N, C-alpha and C. Protein backbone atom coordinates (compact mmCIF):
# COMPACT_ATOMS: atom_id res chain seq x y z
N UNK A 1 0.93 -1.06 -0.11
CA UNK A 1 0.03 -0.23 0.06
C UNK A 1 1.22 1.32 -0.07
N UNK A 2 1.01 2.07 -0.80
CA UNK A 2 0.89 3.44 -1.54
C UNK A 2 0.82 3.65 -0.05
N UNK A 3 2.04 5.73 0.25
CA UNK A 3 2.39 6.00 1.30
C UNK A 3 1.67 7.05 1.07
N UNK A 4 0.73 7.94 2.43
CA UNK A 4 0.42 8.83 1.69
C UNK A 4 2.12 10.47 1.70
N UNK A 5 1.18 12.07 1.68
CA UNK A 5 2.34 12.44 2.08
C UNK A 5 2.18 12.94 3.14
N UNK A 6 1.64 12.43 3.80
CA UNK A 6 2.43 13.08 5.66
C UNK A 6 2.99 12.29 5.88
N UNK A 7 3.11 10.48 5.66
CA UNK A 7 3.37 9.66 6.17
C UNK A 7 4.91 9.68 5.46
N UNK A 8 4.91 9.95 4.46
CA UNK A 8 6.61 10.14 3.37
C UNK A 8 6.98 11.13 4.45
N UNK A 9 6.52 12.61 5.20
CA UNK A 9 7.04 13.42 5.43
C UNK A 9 7.69 12.77 6.42
N UNK A 10 6.27 12.11 7.72
CA UNK A 10 6.64 11.65 8.60
C UNK A 10 8.04 11.05 8.11
N UNK A 11 8.41 9.84 8.09
CA UNK A 11 9.28 9.03 7.73
C UNK A 11 10.52 10.13 7.36
N UNK A 12 10.55 10.96 6.92
CA UNK A 12 11.93 11.36 6.28
C UNK A 12 12.26 12.34 7.47
N UNK A 13 11.08 13.13 8.16
CA UNK A 13 11.67 13.68 9.57
C UNK A 13 12.55 13.07 10.44
N UNK A 14 11.71 11.75 10.63
CA UNK A 14 12.23 11.10 11.61
C UNK A 14 13.81 10.76 11.37
N UNK A 15 13.44 10.68 9.62
CA UNK A 15 15.65 9.77 9.77
C UNK A 15 15.69 11.20 9.45
N UNK A 16 15.82 12.59 9.07
CA UNK A 16 16.85 13.73 9.22
C UNK A 16 17.12 13.28 10.39
N UNK A 17 15.88 13.54 11.38
CA UNK A 17 16.39 13.43 13.30
C UNK A 17 17.39 12.26 13.34
N UNK A 18 17.17 10.97 12.41
CA UNK A 18 18.23 9.66 13.11
C UNK A 18 19.58 9.98 13.11
N UNK A 19 19.50 10.32 11.37
CA UNK A 19 21.17 11.41 10.87
C UNK A 19 21.84 12.17 12.38
N UNK A 20 21.10 12.97 12.08
CA UNK A 20 21.98 14.24 12.89
C UNK A 20 22.34 14.11 14.48
N UNK A 21 21.35 13.05 14.87
CA UNK A 21 21.41 12.39 16.47
C UNK A 21 23.55 11.15 16.10
N UNK A 22 22.92 10.45 15.48
CA UNK A 22 23.74 9.60 15.03
C UNK A 22 25.38 9.37 14.94
N UNK A 23 25.87 9.54 15.35
CA UNK A 23 27.75 8.30 15.10
C UNK A 23 27.35 7.68 14.00
N UNK A 24 27.16 7.02 14.01
CA UNK A 24 26.65 5.83 12.72
C UNK A 24 25.83 5.24 11.89
N UNK A 25 26.00 5.39 10.65
CA UNK A 25 24.96 5.04 10.45
C UNK A 25 25.22 4.03 8.97
N UNK A 26 24.47 2.54 9.50
CA UNK A 26 25.33 1.77 7.96
C UNK A 26 23.84 0.92 7.34
N UNK A 27 24.15 1.21 6.01
CA UNK A 27 23.46 0.94 5.36
C UNK A 27 23.42 -0.49 4.30
N UNK A 28 21.99 -1.40 4.57
CA UNK A 28 22.25 -2.86 3.79
C UNK A 28 21.02 -2.88 3.43
N UNK A 29 21.38 -4.31 2.08
CA UNK A 29 20.62 -4.87 0.72
C UNK A 29 19.95 -5.52 2.24
N UNK A 30 18.55 -5.75 2.44
CA UNK A 30 17.90 -6.32 2.60
C UNK A 30 16.98 -7.69 1.77
N UNK A 31 17.37 -7.02 0.40
CA UNK A 31 16.37 -8.39 0.49
C UNK A 31 16.39 -9.13 -0.44
N UNK A 32 15.36 -9.62 0.04
CA UNK A 32 15.65 -12.22 0.52
C UNK A 32 15.62 -12.06 2.12
N UNK A 33 16.10 -11.24 2.86
CA UNK A 33 15.51 -11.09 4.15
C UNK A 33 13.88 -11.94 4.45
N UNK A 34 13.54 -13.11 5.33
CA UNK A 34 12.80 -13.49 5.56
C UNK A 34 11.95 -12.55 7.08
N UNK A 35 10.41 -12.98 7.14
CA UNK A 35 10.00 -11.85 7.65
C UNK A 35 10.41 -12.22 9.22
N UNK A 36 10.44 -13.77 9.57
CA UNK A 36 10.96 -14.25 10.97
C UNK A 36 12.75 -14.03 11.08
N UNK A 37 13.87 -13.55 9.68
CA UNK A 37 15.32 -13.32 10.05
C UNK A 37 14.78 -11.19 10.17
N UNK A 38 13.88 -10.49 9.37
CA UNK A 38 13.69 -9.37 10.21
C UNK A 38 13.57 -9.13 11.66
N UNK A 39 12.43 -9.86 11.85
CA UNK A 39 11.70 -10.25 13.33
C UNK A 39 13.15 -10.05 14.14
N UNK A 40 14.02 -10.86 13.94
CA UNK A 40 15.41 -11.29 14.54
C UNK A 40 15.75 -10.24 14.62
N UNK A 41 16.57 -9.82 13.44
CA UNK A 41 16.94 -7.84 13.31
C UNK A 41 16.46 -7.64 13.75
N UNK A 42 15.17 -7.27 13.72
CA UNK A 42 14.74 -5.87 15.12
C UNK A 42 15.20 -5.58 16.38
N UNK A 43 14.71 -6.97 16.76
CA UNK A 43 14.79 -7.69 17.94
C UNK A 43 15.81 -7.51 18.88
N UNK A 44 17.81 -8.04 18.01
CA UNK A 44 18.30 -7.53 17.93
C UNK A 44 18.86 -6.05 18.30
N UNK A 45 18.65 -5.28 17.15
CA UNK A 45 18.57 -4.10 17.56
C UNK A 45 18.43 -3.23 18.43
N UNK A 46 17.50 -4.24 18.51
CA UNK A 46 16.57 -2.66 20.21
C UNK A 46 17.43 -3.15 21.40
N UNK A 47 17.60 -4.84 21.09
CA UNK A 47 19.09 -4.74 22.69
C UNK A 47 19.71 -4.61 22.97
N UNK A 48 21.04 -3.57 21.21
CA UNK A 48 22.01 -3.66 21.10
C UNK A 48 21.98 -2.15 21.35
N UNK A 49 20.40 -0.93 21.15
CA UNK A 49 20.05 0.05 20.77
C UNK A 49 20.46 0.69 19.82
N UNK A 50 20.33 -0.41 18.81
CA UNK A 50 20.68 0.14 17.31
C UNK A 50 19.09 0.38 17.21
N UNK A 51 19.18 1.33 15.67
CA UNK A 51 17.66 1.78 15.37
C UNK A 51 17.66 1.79 14.05
N UNK A 52 17.10 -0.05 13.73
CA UNK A 52 16.86 0.29 11.58
C UNK A 52 15.29 0.68 11.28
N UNK A 53 15.47 0.54 10.35
CA UNK A 53 14.83 1.13 9.36
C UNK A 53 14.99 1.26 8.33
N UNK A 54 13.09 0.59 7.80
CA UNK A 54 13.84 0.68 6.06
C UNK A 54 12.89 1.57 5.66
N UNK A 55 13.14 2.30 4.13
CA UNK A 55 12.99 3.03 3.93
C UNK A 55 13.53 3.79 2.26
N UNK A 56 12.69 3.99 1.02
CA UNK A 56 13.17 4.27 0.14
C UNK A 56 14.25 4.77 -0.42
N UNK A 57 14.78 4.67 -1.30
CA UNK A 57 15.95 5.69 -0.86
C UNK A 57 15.95 6.88 -1.15
N UNK A 58 14.98 7.06 -2.07
CA UNK A 58 14.24 9.13 -2.47
C UNK A 58 14.20 9.82 -0.90
N UNK A 59 13.13 9.02 -0.19
CA UNK A 59 13.25 9.71 1.05
C UNK A 59 14.75 9.48 1.55
N UNK A 60 14.96 9.03 1.66
CA UNK A 60 16.92 8.43 2.34
C UNK A 60 17.46 9.78 2.07
N UNK A 61 18.02 9.85 0.88
CA UNK A 61 18.89 10.46 0.25
C UNK A 61 18.00 12.69 0.34
N UNK A 62 16.70 12.00 0.43
CA UNK A 62 16.07 13.43 1.05
C UNK A 62 16.98 13.71 1.85
N UNK A 63 16.76 13.03 3.26
CA UNK A 63 16.74 13.21 4.64
C UNK A 63 18.61 13.08 4.79
N UNK A 64 19.42 12.61 4.29
CA UNK A 64 20.70 12.86 4.37
C UNK A 64 21.10 13.50 3.75
N UNK A 65 20.44 14.36 2.87
CA UNK A 65 20.77 15.95 1.79
C UNK A 65 20.28 17.07 3.46
N UNK A 66 19.26 17.06 4.00
CA UNK A 66 18.69 18.03 4.47
C UNK A 66 19.61 17.94 5.83
N UNK A 67 19.83 16.93 6.76
CA UNK A 67 20.18 16.29 8.13
C UNK A 67 22.16 16.58 7.22
N UNK A 68 23.09 17.36 6.25
CA UNK A 68 23.43 18.09 5.58
C UNK A 68 25.23 16.55 5.38
N UNK A 69 24.28 15.17 5.49
CA UNK A 69 25.01 15.00 4.89
C UNK A 69 25.61 14.10 2.99
N UNK A 70 26.46 14.18 2.42
CA UNK A 70 26.85 13.35 1.23
C UNK A 70 27.36 11.95 1.05
N UNK A 71 25.81 11.41 0.77
CA UNK A 71 25.96 10.24 0.61
C UNK A 71 24.51 10.00 -0.95
N UNK A 72 24.89 9.35 -1.51
CA UNK A 72 23.97 8.18 -2.77
C UNK A 72 23.82 7.09 -2.18
N UNK A 73 22.23 6.77 -1.96
CA UNK A 73 22.11 5.55 -2.09
C UNK A 73 21.65 5.05 -3.04
N UNK A 74 20.80 5.87 -3.66
CA UNK A 74 20.15 5.25 -5.30
C UNK A 74 21.38 4.38 -5.52
N UNK A 75 22.22 4.86 -5.39
CA UNK A 75 23.61 4.01 -6.38
C UNK A 75 24.08 2.93 -6.23
N UNK A 76 23.47 2.71 -4.80
CA UNK A 76 23.95 1.35 -3.96
C UNK A 76 22.86 0.74 -4.31
N UNK A 77 22.95 -0.79 -4.80
CA UNK A 77 23.01 -2.09 -4.47
C UNK A 77 20.90 -2.64 -4.23
N UNK A 78 20.15 -2.29 -4.44
CA UNK A 78 19.38 -3.78 -3.88
C UNK A 78 18.19 -2.79 -3.16
N UNK A 79 17.43 -3.03 -2.01
CA UNK A 79 16.37 -2.14 -1.17
C UNK A 79 17.19 -2.13 0.33
N UNK A 80 17.52 -0.87 0.75
CA UNK A 80 18.39 -0.15 1.69
C UNK A 80 17.14 -0.49 2.66
N UNK A 81 17.92 -0.95 3.35
CA UNK A 81 17.88 -0.73 5.20
C UNK A 81 19.11 0.00 5.67
N UNK A 82 18.28 0.61 7.16
CA UNK A 82 19.54 1.34 7.62
C UNK A 82 19.56 1.07 9.29
N UNK A 83 20.43 0.75 9.49
CA UNK A 83 21.02 0.89 11.28
C UNK A 83 21.66 2.32 11.17
N UNK A 84 20.71 2.30 12.69
CA UNK A 84 21.60 3.60 13.36
C UNK A 84 22.25 3.76 14.51
N UNK A 85 23.11 4.19 15.54
CA UNK A 85 24.29 4.11 16.11
C UNK A 85 24.51 5.21 16.61
N UNK A 86 24.15 5.54 18.36
CA UNK A 86 24.18 6.96 18.59
C UNK A 86 25.37 6.46 20.24
N UNK A 87 25.19 5.42 21.03
CA UNK A 87 26.13 5.00 21.87
C UNK A 87 27.80 4.38 21.64
N UNK A 88 27.31 2.84 21.37
CA UNK A 88 27.94 2.58 20.03
C UNK A 88 28.69 3.08 18.83
N UNK A 89 29.67 3.53 17.97
CA UNK A 89 29.77 4.08 16.63
C UNK A 89 29.50 2.40 16.19
N UNK A 90 30.24 1.80 16.16
CA UNK A 90 30.32 -0.03 15.85
C UNK A 90 29.30 -0.77 15.78
N UNK A 91 28.12 -0.53 16.94
CA UNK A 91 27.14 -1.33 17.08
C UNK A 91 26.48 -1.77 16.15
N UNK A 92 26.13 -0.80 14.85
CA UNK A 92 25.00 -0.97 13.77
C UNK A 92 26.34 -1.83 12.87
N UNK A 93 27.14 -1.66 12.79
CA UNK A 93 27.80 -2.37 11.95
C UNK A 93 28.10 -3.66 12.50
N UNK A 94 28.45 -3.81 13.23
CA UNK A 94 28.76 -5.59 14.31
C UNK A 94 27.68 -6.56 14.31
N UNK A 95 26.33 -5.71 14.62
CA UNK A 95 24.70 -6.11 14.49
C UNK A 95 25.01 -6.35 13.01
N UNK A 96 24.63 -5.92 11.97
CA UNK A 96 24.03 -5.77 10.72
C UNK A 96 25.43 -6.91 10.02
N UNK A 97 26.31 -6.94 10.07
CA UNK A 97 27.43 -7.85 10.08
C UNK A 97 27.38 -9.49 9.99
N UNK A 98 27.39 -9.87 11.57
CA UNK A 98 26.84 -10.77 11.98
C UNK A 98 25.31 -10.83 11.76
N UNK A 99 24.42 -10.50 11.26
CA UNK A 99 23.51 -11.14 10.43
C UNK A 99 23.97 -11.27 9.33
N UNK A 100 24.48 -10.87 8.71
CA UNK A 100 25.24 -11.43 7.15
C UNK A 100 25.46 -12.88 7.24
N UNK A 101 26.42 -13.75 8.04
CA UNK A 101 26.58 -14.62 8.31
C UNK A 101 25.33 -16.38 7.48
N UNK A 102 24.06 -14.94 8.25
CA UNK A 102 22.83 -16.68 8.33
C UNK A 102 21.32 -16.05 7.61
N UNK A 103 22.15 -14.94 6.59
CA UNK A 103 21.04 -14.26 6.22
C UNK A 103 21.47 -13.65 4.33
N UNK A 104 19.92 -12.83 4.10
CA UNK A 104 20.78 -12.73 2.23
C UNK A 104 20.86 -11.37 2.76
N UNK A 105 21.02 -10.82 4.13
CA UNK A 105 21.82 -9.76 4.18
C UNK A 105 22.72 -9.28 4.33
N UNK A 106 23.49 -7.39 3.16
CA UNK A 106 24.55 -8.02 2.00
C UNK A 106 25.09 -5.20 3.00
N UNK A 107 26.23 -5.64 3.92
CA UNK A 107 26.41 -4.04 4.12
C UNK A 107 27.05 -3.89 2.31
N UNK A 108 25.98 -2.19 2.04
CA UNK A 108 26.47 -2.17 0.99
C UNK A 108 27.77 -0.16 0.87
N UNK A 109 27.72 0.13 2.81
CA UNK A 109 28.09 1.64 2.73
C UNK A 109 27.42 1.87 3.81
N UNK A 110 28.24 2.91 4.67
CA UNK A 110 28.05 3.68 5.77
C UNK A 110 28.49 5.03 5.89
N UNK A 111 28.21 5.60 6.98
CA UNK A 111 28.25 7.19 7.20
C UNK A 111 28.70 6.66 9.12
N UNK A 112 30.58 7.01 8.89
CA UNK A 112 31.03 7.45 10.76
C UNK A 112 31.79 9.06 10.39
N UNK A 113 31.17 9.24 11.56
CA UNK A 113 31.90 10.57 11.60
C UNK A 113 31.69 11.89 10.50
N UNK A 114 30.48 11.34 10.13
CA UNK A 114 29.00 12.17 9.02
C UNK A 114 30.12 11.82 7.95
N UNK A 115 30.99 11.60 7.67
CA UNK A 115 31.84 10.87 6.70
C UNK A 115 31.37 9.22 6.17
N UNK A 116 30.84 9.86 4.43
CA UNK A 116 30.21 8.86 3.67
C UNK A 116 31.52 7.14 3.47
N UNK A 117 31.26 6.26 4.16
CA UNK A 117 32.80 5.06 3.97
C UNK A 117 31.97 4.07 2.34
N UNK A 118 33.02 3.07 1.90
CA UNK A 118 32.82 3.14 1.04
C UNK A 118 32.52 1.05 1.81
N UNK A 119 31.86 0.11 0.94
CA UNK A 119 31.51 -0.39 1.74
C UNK A 119 32.39 -1.66 2.80
N UNK A 120 33.63 -2.20 1.63
CA UNK A 120 34.87 -2.53 2.17
C UNK A 120 34.94 -2.22 3.18
N UNK A 121 34.95 -1.12 4.09
CA UNK A 121 35.65 -0.40 5.29
C UNK A 121 34.18 -0.72 6.34
N UNK A 122 33.42 -0.92 6.31
CA UNK A 122 32.13 -1.00 6.78
C UNK A 122 32.14 -2.16 6.91
N UNK A 123 32.06 -3.19 5.99
CA UNK A 123 32.57 -4.64 6.45
C UNK A 123 33.49 -4.56 7.13
N UNK A 124 34.70 -4.16 6.59
CA UNK A 124 35.99 -4.84 7.89
C UNK A 124 35.81 -3.92 9.12
N UNK A 125 34.73 -2.80 9.51
CA UNK A 125 34.34 -2.24 10.33
C UNK A 125 33.44 -3.73 11.26
N UNK A 126 32.64 -3.93 10.98
CA UNK A 126 31.53 -5.06 11.26
C UNK A 126 32.16 -6.23 11.20
N UNK A 127 33.84 -6.21 11.29
CA UNK A 127 35.01 -7.78 12.32
C UNK A 127 35.05 -7.12 12.78
N UNK A 128 35.60 -6.21 13.77
CA UNK A 128 36.32 -5.33 15.53
C UNK A 128 34.89 -6.29 16.03
N UNK A 129 35.67 -5.89 17.33
CA UNK A 129 35.40 -6.77 18.35
C UNK A 129 34.35 -5.90 19.09
N UNK A 130 33.48 -5.48 19.66
CA UNK A 130 32.40 -4.69 20.15
C UNK A 130 32.61 -3.80 20.91
N UNK A 131 32.84 -2.51 22.45
CA UNK A 131 32.73 -1.39 22.56
C UNK A 131 33.47 -2.15 24.34
N UNK A 132 32.01 -3.33 24.16
CA UNK A 132 32.07 -3.62 25.32
C UNK A 132 33.51 -4.63 25.65
N UNK A 133 33.97 -5.45 24.88
CA UNK A 133 35.39 -6.63 24.65
C UNK A 133 36.54 -5.93 24.05
N UNK A 134 36.13 -4.50 24.04
CA UNK A 134 36.88 -3.59 24.06
C UNK A 134 37.34 -3.19 25.17
N UNK A 135 36.51 -2.89 26.34
CA UNK A 135 36.62 -2.53 27.63
C UNK A 135 37.49 -3.62 28.56
N UNK A 136 36.68 -4.85 28.09
CA UNK A 136 36.89 -5.65 28.99
C UNK A 136 38.72 -6.24 28.18
N UNK A 137 39.17 -6.20 27.12
CA UNK A 137 40.28 -6.01 26.99
C UNK A 137 41.25 -5.10 27.91
N UNK A 138 41.19 -4.03 27.72
CA UNK A 138 41.92 -3.25 28.06
C UNK A 138 42.45 -3.06 29.70
N UNK A 139 40.90 -3.41 29.90
CA UNK A 139 41.53 -3.57 31.82
C UNK A 139 42.06 -4.78 32.14
N UNK A 140 41.50 -6.20 31.18
CA UNK A 140 42.98 -7.31 31.74
C UNK A 140 44.00 -6.73 31.14
N UNK A 141 44.18 -6.39 30.34
CA UNK A 141 45.94 -5.91 30.09
C UNK A 141 46.38 -4.93 31.02
N UNK A 142 45.51 -3.68 31.39
CA UNK A 142 46.80 -3.14 33.04
C UNK A 142 46.37 -4.26 33.50
N UNK A 143 45.43 -4.88 34.23
CA UNK A 143 45.39 -5.89 35.18
C UNK A 143 46.38 -6.76 34.54
N UNK A 144 46.60 -7.09 34.16
CA UNK A 144 47.49 -8.47 34.12
C UNK A 144 48.80 -8.14 34.52
N UNK A 145 49.44 -7.10 34.62
CA UNK A 145 50.86 -7.04 35.44
C UNK A 145 50.17 -6.75 36.68
N UNK A 146 50.10 -6.48 37.37
CA UNK A 146 49.26 -6.34 38.61
C UNK A 146 48.73 -8.11 39.00
N UNK A 147 47.93 -8.68 38.60
CA UNK A 147 48.07 -9.71 38.65
C UNK A 147 49.44 -10.90 39.37
N UNK A 148 49.54 -10.92 38.24
CA UNK A 148 51.55 -11.05 38.17
C UNK A 148 51.91 -10.75 39.79
N UNK A 149 52.27 -9.66 39.97
CA UNK A 149 52.91 -9.63 40.70
C UNK A 149 52.10 -10.38 42.11
N UNK A 150 50.98 -10.44 42.20
CA UNK A 150 50.62 -11.18 43.64
C UNK A 150 50.39 -12.41 43.37
N UNK A 151 50.52 -12.51 42.59
CA UNK A 151 50.91 -14.29 41.65
C UNK A 151 52.26 -14.65 41.99
N UNK A 152 52.78 -13.52 41.86
CA UNK A 152 54.45 -14.19 42.60
C UNK A 152 55.10 -14.12 44.66
N UNK A 153 54.20 -12.77 44.72
CA UNK A 153 54.14 -12.98 46.09
C UNK A 153 53.91 -13.33 46.94
N UNK A 154 52.32 -14.08 46.19
CA UNK A 154 52.26 -14.72 47.41
C UNK A 154 51.99 -16.81 46.62
N UNK A 155 52.91 -17.17 46.13
CA UNK A 155 54.00 -18.51 45.85
C UNK A 155 55.40 -17.93 47.19
N UNK A 156 56.38 -16.59 47.44
CA UNK A 156 56.78 -16.56 48.24
C UNK A 156 57.21 -16.30 50.22
N UNK A 157 55.48 -16.65 49.32
CA UNK A 157 54.91 -16.45 50.99
C UNK A 157 54.65 -17.60 51.39
N UNK A 158 53.93 -18.45 50.44
CA UNK A 158 54.23 -20.59 50.73
C UNK A 158 55.36 -21.10 51.20
N UNK A 159 56.46 -20.30 49.56
CA UNK A 159 57.91 -21.41 50.05
C UNK A 159 58.32 -20.43 51.22
N UNK A 160 57.92 -19.05 52.00
CA UNK A 160 58.57 -19.27 53.00
C UNK A 160 57.61 -20.25 54.20
N UNK A 161 56.56 -20.34 54.04
CA UNK A 161 55.58 -20.49 54.87
C UNK A 161 56.30 -22.27 55.43
N UNK A 162 56.76 -22.93 53.83
CA UNK A 162 56.95 -24.37 53.46
C UNK A 162 58.07 -24.06 54.35
N UNK A 163 59.29 -23.22 54.74
CA UNK A 163 60.70 -23.91 55.12
C UNK A 163 60.34 -23.37 56.48
N UNK A 164 59.41 -22.60 57.00
CA UNK A 164 59.16 -22.97 58.06
C UNK A 164 58.47 -23.83 59.14
């Protein structure tokens, strides 16, 4: 069913707002995605704080232009779905990248720090660890020398206790 002009205007305004608020946007071709898999995608995106929207390419182009972004969605292949991330910049790319493993979804481009990125760079970003994983890795690197020192002190104290 065709959308009325008012519905299109509301969709465009929502997209403009999301483009302005988000630190990253990932474009994906969702052609061939089944309803259950689309529902799973929406559920996962909600859990990870990512906003996923499907819109016509002409509306996406208008909204991006109004938000001050240079992107040509019409040159992207297939039907386009957008994943917006504001808290974790990598989350949209990671979410859609993970979904490409068992669905026909394909990453086709993105916007990071208000700059357009080609497909190859978005795919590379999707393979990076998430923000929480990176923070965990940082903590382990910082805590590693301290835990080694504590283990050494414990071994020395056990050795001294064994002599006595």
